[in-house]
Amino acid sequence: MAIAKNPIRNTSEATEQQAAAFIAKAGKVEPDKDKEANRKPTMIRIPPALLARIDQGAKRLGISRSAFIVQSAAEKLERMEG
């Protein structure tokens, strides 16, 4: 196992200020409890092959299975109403 030197870090005042400004912009993120409170659990039956496709799509988008189904239903309803 080789021992490597620590990399030279840019610790200038400007860099520190940029980091502080970035952190300050982020602010605190509060979970939206109202959204969760307004959701109703639902049980649906989905064929295994379709469920596998839903899981693949959700994974590709980086969201949960539930979020994928909700978004898909919302998009379908928007198209039907439009």
N, C-alpha and C. Protein backbone atom coordinates (compact mmCIF):
# COMPACT_ATOMS: atom_id res chain seq x y z
N MET A 1 0.85 -1.17 0.00
CA MET A 1 0.00 0.00 0.00
C MET A 1 0.89 1.23 0.00
N ALA A 2 0.69 2.09 -0.97
CA ALA A 2 1.49 3.30 -1.09
C ALA A 2 0.90 4.42 -0.24
N ILE A 3 1.79 5.22 0.30
CA ILE A 3 1.35 6.38 1.06
C ILE A 3 1.47 7.59 0.15
N ALA A 4 0.37 8.30 -0.01
CA ALA A 4 0.34 9.46 -0.90
C ALA A 4 0.27 10.73 -0.08
N LYS A 5 0.84 11.78 -0.62
CA LYS A 5 0.77 13.09 0.03
C LYS A 5 -0.65 13.63 -0.09
N ASN A 6 -1.06 14.41 0.88
CA ASN A 6 -2.34 15.08 0.78
C ASN A 6 -2.29 16.06 -0.38
N PRO A 7 -3.38 16.19 -1.14
CA PRO A 7 -3.38 17.14 -2.26
C PRO A 7 -3.32 18.57 -1.73
N ILE A 8 -2.75 19.43 -2.54
CA ILE A 8 -2.69 20.84 -2.18
C ILE A 8 -4.10 21.40 -2.35
N ARG A 9 -4.60 21.98 -1.29
CA ARG A 9 -5.97 22.51 -1.33
C ARG A 9 -5.92 24.02 -1.44
N ASN A 10 -6.85 24.55 -2.20
CA ASN A 10 -6.97 25.99 -2.36
C ASN A 10 -7.81 26.51 -1.20
N THR A 11 -7.20 27.10 -0.23
CA THR A 11 -7.93 27.58 0.94
C THR A 11 -7.89 29.10 1.00
N SER A 12 -7.97 29.71 -0.16
CA SER A 12 -7.93 31.16 -0.20
C SER A 12 -9.20 31.73 0.42
N GLU A 13 -9.16 33.00 0.77
CA GLU A 13 -10.30 33.69 1.36
C GLU A 13 -11.49 33.66 0.39
N ALA A 14 -11.23 33.84 -0.91
CA ALA A 14 -12.29 33.84 -1.91
C ALA A 14 -13.00 32.49 -1.94
N THR A 15 -12.25 31.40 -1.88
CA THR A 15 -12.83 30.07 -1.90
C THR A 15 -13.70 29.84 -0.67
N GLU A 16 -13.22 30.28 0.47
CA GLU A 16 -13.99 30.15 1.70
C GLU A 16 -15.29 30.95 1.61
N GLN A 17 -15.23 32.13 1.03
CA GLN A 17 -16.42 32.97 0.88
C GLN A 17 -17.41 32.33 -0.09
N GLN A 18 -16.90 31.75 -1.16
CA GLN A 18 -17.77 31.09 -2.13
C GLN A 18 -18.48 29.90 -1.47
N ALA A 19 -17.75 29.15 -0.67
CA ALA A 19 -18.34 28.01 0.02
C ALA A 19 -19.42 28.47 0.99
N ALA A 20 -19.14 29.52 1.74
CA ALA A 20 -20.11 30.04 2.70
C ALA A 20 -21.36 30.55 1.99
N ALA A 21 -21.18 31.22 0.84
CA ALA A 21 -22.32 31.72 0.08
C ALA A 21 -23.17 30.57 -0.45
N PHE A 22 -22.52 29.52 -0.93
CA PHE A 22 -23.23 28.35 -1.43
C PHE A 22 -24.07 27.70 -0.34
N ILE A 23 -23.47 27.54 0.82
CA ILE A 23 -24.18 26.92 1.94
C ILE A 23 -25.34 27.80 2.39
N ALA A 24 -25.15 29.10 2.41
CA ALA A 24 -26.21 30.02 2.84
C ALA A 24 -27.40 29.97 1.89
N LYS A 25 -27.15 29.77 0.59
CA LYS A 25 -28.24 29.70 -0.40
C LYS A 25 -29.11 28.47 -0.17
N ALA A 26 -28.50 27.41 0.31
CA ALA A 26 -29.23 26.15 0.47
C ALA A 26 -30.35 26.29 1.48
N GLY A 27 -30.11 26.98 2.56
CA GLY A 27 -31.15 27.14 3.58
C GLY A 27 -31.55 25.81 4.18
N LYS A 28 -32.56 25.85 4.99
CA LYS A 28 -33.04 24.63 5.61
C LYS A 28 -34.21 24.09 4.81
N VAL A 29 -34.23 22.80 4.65
CA VAL A 29 -35.31 22.15 3.93
C VAL A 29 -36.20 21.46 4.95
N GLU A 30 -37.41 21.91 5.05
CA GLU A 30 -38.38 21.30 5.96
C GLU A 30 -39.20 20.28 5.18
N PRO A 31 -39.41 19.10 5.73
CA PRO A 31 -40.26 18.15 5.03
C PRO A 31 -41.68 18.69 4.95
N ASP A 32 -42.31 18.45 3.82
CA ASP A 32 -43.66 18.94 3.60
C ASP A 32 -44.65 17.95 4.20
N LYS A 33 -45.01 18.18 5.45
CA LYS A 33 -45.90 17.26 6.16
C LYS A 33 -47.31 17.30 5.60
N ASP A 34 -47.72 18.44 5.05
CA ASP A 34 -49.07 18.54 4.50
C ASP A 34 -49.25 17.60 3.31
N LYS A 35 -48.24 17.49 2.47
CA LYS A 35 -48.33 16.59 1.32
C LYS A 35 -48.53 15.16 1.79
N GLU A 36 -47.73 14.75 2.78
CA GLU A 36 -47.82 13.38 3.27
C GLU A 36 -49.17 13.14 3.95
N ALA A 37 -49.65 14.14 4.68
CA ALA A 37 -50.92 13.98 5.39
C ALA A 37 -52.09 13.87 4.42
N ASN A 38 -51.98 14.43 3.24
CA ASN A 38 -53.06 14.42 2.26
C ASN A 38 -53.03 13.20 1.34
N ARG A 39 -52.13 12.28 1.59
CA ARG A 39 -52.05 11.09 0.75
C ARG A 39 -52.77 9.93 1.42
N LYS A 40 -53.47 9.16 0.63
CA LYS A 40 -54.23 8.02 1.13
C LYS A 40 -53.60 6.73 0.63
N PRO A 41 -53.34 5.80 1.51
CA PRO A 41 -52.80 4.51 1.06
C PRO A 41 -53.83 3.76 0.24
N THR A 42 -53.38 3.12 -0.83
CA THR A 42 -54.27 2.41 -1.73
C THR A 42 -53.64 1.08 -2.11
N MET A 43 -54.44 0.06 -2.15
CA MET A 43 -53.93 -1.24 -2.59
C MET A 43 -54.46 -1.51 -3.99
N ILE A 44 -53.56 -1.80 -4.91
CA ILE A 44 -53.96 -2.15 -6.27
C ILE A 44 -53.26 -3.44 -6.67
N ARG A 45 -53.86 -4.14 -7.60
CA ARG A 45 -53.25 -5.38 -8.11
C ARG A 45 -52.68 -5.08 -9.49
N ILE A 46 -51.40 -5.41 -9.65
CA ILE A 46 -50.68 -5.12 -10.89
C ILE A 46 -50.05 -6.42 -11.38
N PRO A 47 -50.22 -6.74 -12.66
CA PRO A 47 -49.57 -7.94 -13.19
C PRO A 47 -48.04 -7.87 -12.99
N PRO A 48 -47.42 -9.00 -12.66
CA PRO A 48 -45.98 -9.01 -12.38
C PRO A 48 -45.11 -8.39 -13.47
N ALA A 49 -45.43 -8.64 -14.73
CA ALA A 49 -44.62 -8.09 -15.82
C ALA A 49 -44.72 -6.56 -15.85
N LEU A 50 -45.91 -6.02 -15.63
CA LEU A 50 -46.08 -4.58 -15.61
C LEU A 50 -45.38 -3.97 -14.40
N LEU A 51 -45.46 -4.66 -13.26
CA LEU A 51 -44.79 -4.18 -12.05
C LEU A 51 -43.28 -4.11 -12.26
N ALA A 52 -42.73 -5.08 -12.95
CA ALA A 52 -41.30 -5.07 -13.25
C ALA A 52 -40.94 -3.87 -14.12
N ARG A 53 -41.79 -3.57 -15.10
CA ARG A 53 -41.54 -2.40 -15.97
C ARG A 53 -41.65 -1.10 -15.17
N ILE A 54 -42.62 -1.04 -14.26
CA ILE A 54 -42.76 0.15 -13.40
C ILE A 54 -41.51 0.33 -12.56
N ASP A 55 -41.04 -0.76 -11.97
CA ASP A 55 -39.83 -0.69 -11.14
C ASP A 55 -38.62 -0.23 -11.95
N GLN A 56 -38.51 -0.72 -13.19
CA GLN A 56 -37.40 -0.29 -14.05
C GLN A 56 -37.49 1.20 -14.37
N GLY A 57 -38.70 1.66 -14.69
CA GLY A 57 -38.89 3.07 -14.99
C GLY A 57 -38.60 3.95 -13.79
N ALA A 58 -39.06 3.53 -12.61
CA ALA A 58 -38.82 4.29 -11.39
C ALA A 58 -37.33 4.35 -11.08
N LYS A 59 -36.65 3.23 -11.26
CA LYS A 59 -35.21 3.20 -11.00
C LYS A 59 -34.48 4.13 -11.96
N ARG A 60 -34.87 4.11 -13.22
CA ARG A 60 -34.25 4.97 -14.22
C ARG A 60 -34.41 6.45 -13.86
N LEU A 61 -35.56 6.81 -13.29
CA LEU A 61 -35.83 8.19 -12.91
C LEU A 61 -35.33 8.53 -11.50
N GLY A 62 -34.93 7.50 -10.76
CA GLY A 62 -34.44 7.73 -9.40
C GLY A 62 -35.54 8.09 -8.42
N ILE A 63 -36.73 7.52 -8.64
CA ILE A 63 -37.86 7.79 -7.75
C ILE A 63 -38.44 6.47 -7.26
N SER A 64 -39.33 6.55 -6.30
CA SER A 64 -39.95 5.34 -5.76
C SER A 64 -41.01 4.80 -6.71
N ARG A 65 -41.37 3.56 -6.48
CA ARG A 65 -42.44 2.94 -7.26
C ARG A 65 -43.73 3.74 -7.12
N SER A 66 -44.03 4.14 -5.90
CA SER A 66 -45.24 4.91 -5.64
C SER A 66 -45.24 6.23 -6.39
N ALA A 67 -44.11 6.94 -6.33
CA ALA A 67 -44.01 8.23 -7.03
C ALA A 67 -44.18 8.03 -8.54
N PHE A 68 -43.61 6.95 -9.07
CA PHE A 68 -43.74 6.67 -10.50
C PHE A 68 -45.20 6.46 -10.89
N ILE A 69 -45.92 5.68 -10.08
CA ILE A 69 -47.32 5.40 -10.38
C ILE A 69 -48.15 6.68 -10.28
N VAL A 70 -47.90 7.48 -9.24
CA VAL A 70 -48.65 8.73 -9.07
C VAL A 70 -48.39 9.67 -10.24
N GLN A 71 -47.12 9.83 -10.63
CA GLN A 71 -46.78 10.72 -11.74
C GLN A 71 -47.39 10.23 -13.04
N SER A 72 -47.34 8.92 -13.26
CA SER A 72 -47.91 8.35 -14.49
C SER A 72 -49.41 8.57 -14.56
N ALA A 73 -50.10 8.36 -13.45
CA ALA A 73 -51.54 8.57 -13.41
C ALA A 73 -51.88 10.05 -13.65
N ALA A 74 -51.11 10.93 -13.02
CA ALA A 74 -51.36 12.37 -13.19
C ALA A 74 -51.16 12.80 -14.64
N GLU A 75 -50.10 12.29 -15.29
CA GLU A 75 -49.85 12.61 -16.69
C GLU A 75 -50.99 12.10 -17.58
N LYS A 76 -51.46 10.89 -17.31
CA LYS A 76 -52.54 10.31 -18.10
C LYS A 76 -53.81 11.16 -17.96
N LEU A 77 -54.14 11.55 -16.73
CA LEU A 77 -55.33 12.37 -16.50
C LEU A 77 -55.22 13.74 -17.17
N GLU A 78 -54.03 14.34 -17.15
CA GLU A 78 -53.83 15.63 -17.82
C GLU A 78 -54.06 15.51 -19.32
N ARG A 79 -53.56 14.42 -19.92
CA ARG A 79 -53.77 14.20 -21.36
C ARG A 79 -55.25 14.00 -21.67
N MET A 80 -55.95 13.29 -20.80
CA MET A 80 -57.38 13.04 -21.02
C MET A 80 -58.20 14.32 -20.89
N GLU A 81 -57.80 15.18 -19.98
CA GLU A 81 -58.54 16.43 -19.73
C GLU A 81 -58.18 17.51 -20.75
N GLY A 82 -57.00 17.40 -21.36
CA GLY A 82 -56.53 18.45 -22.26
C GLY A 82 -57.03 18.37 -23.63
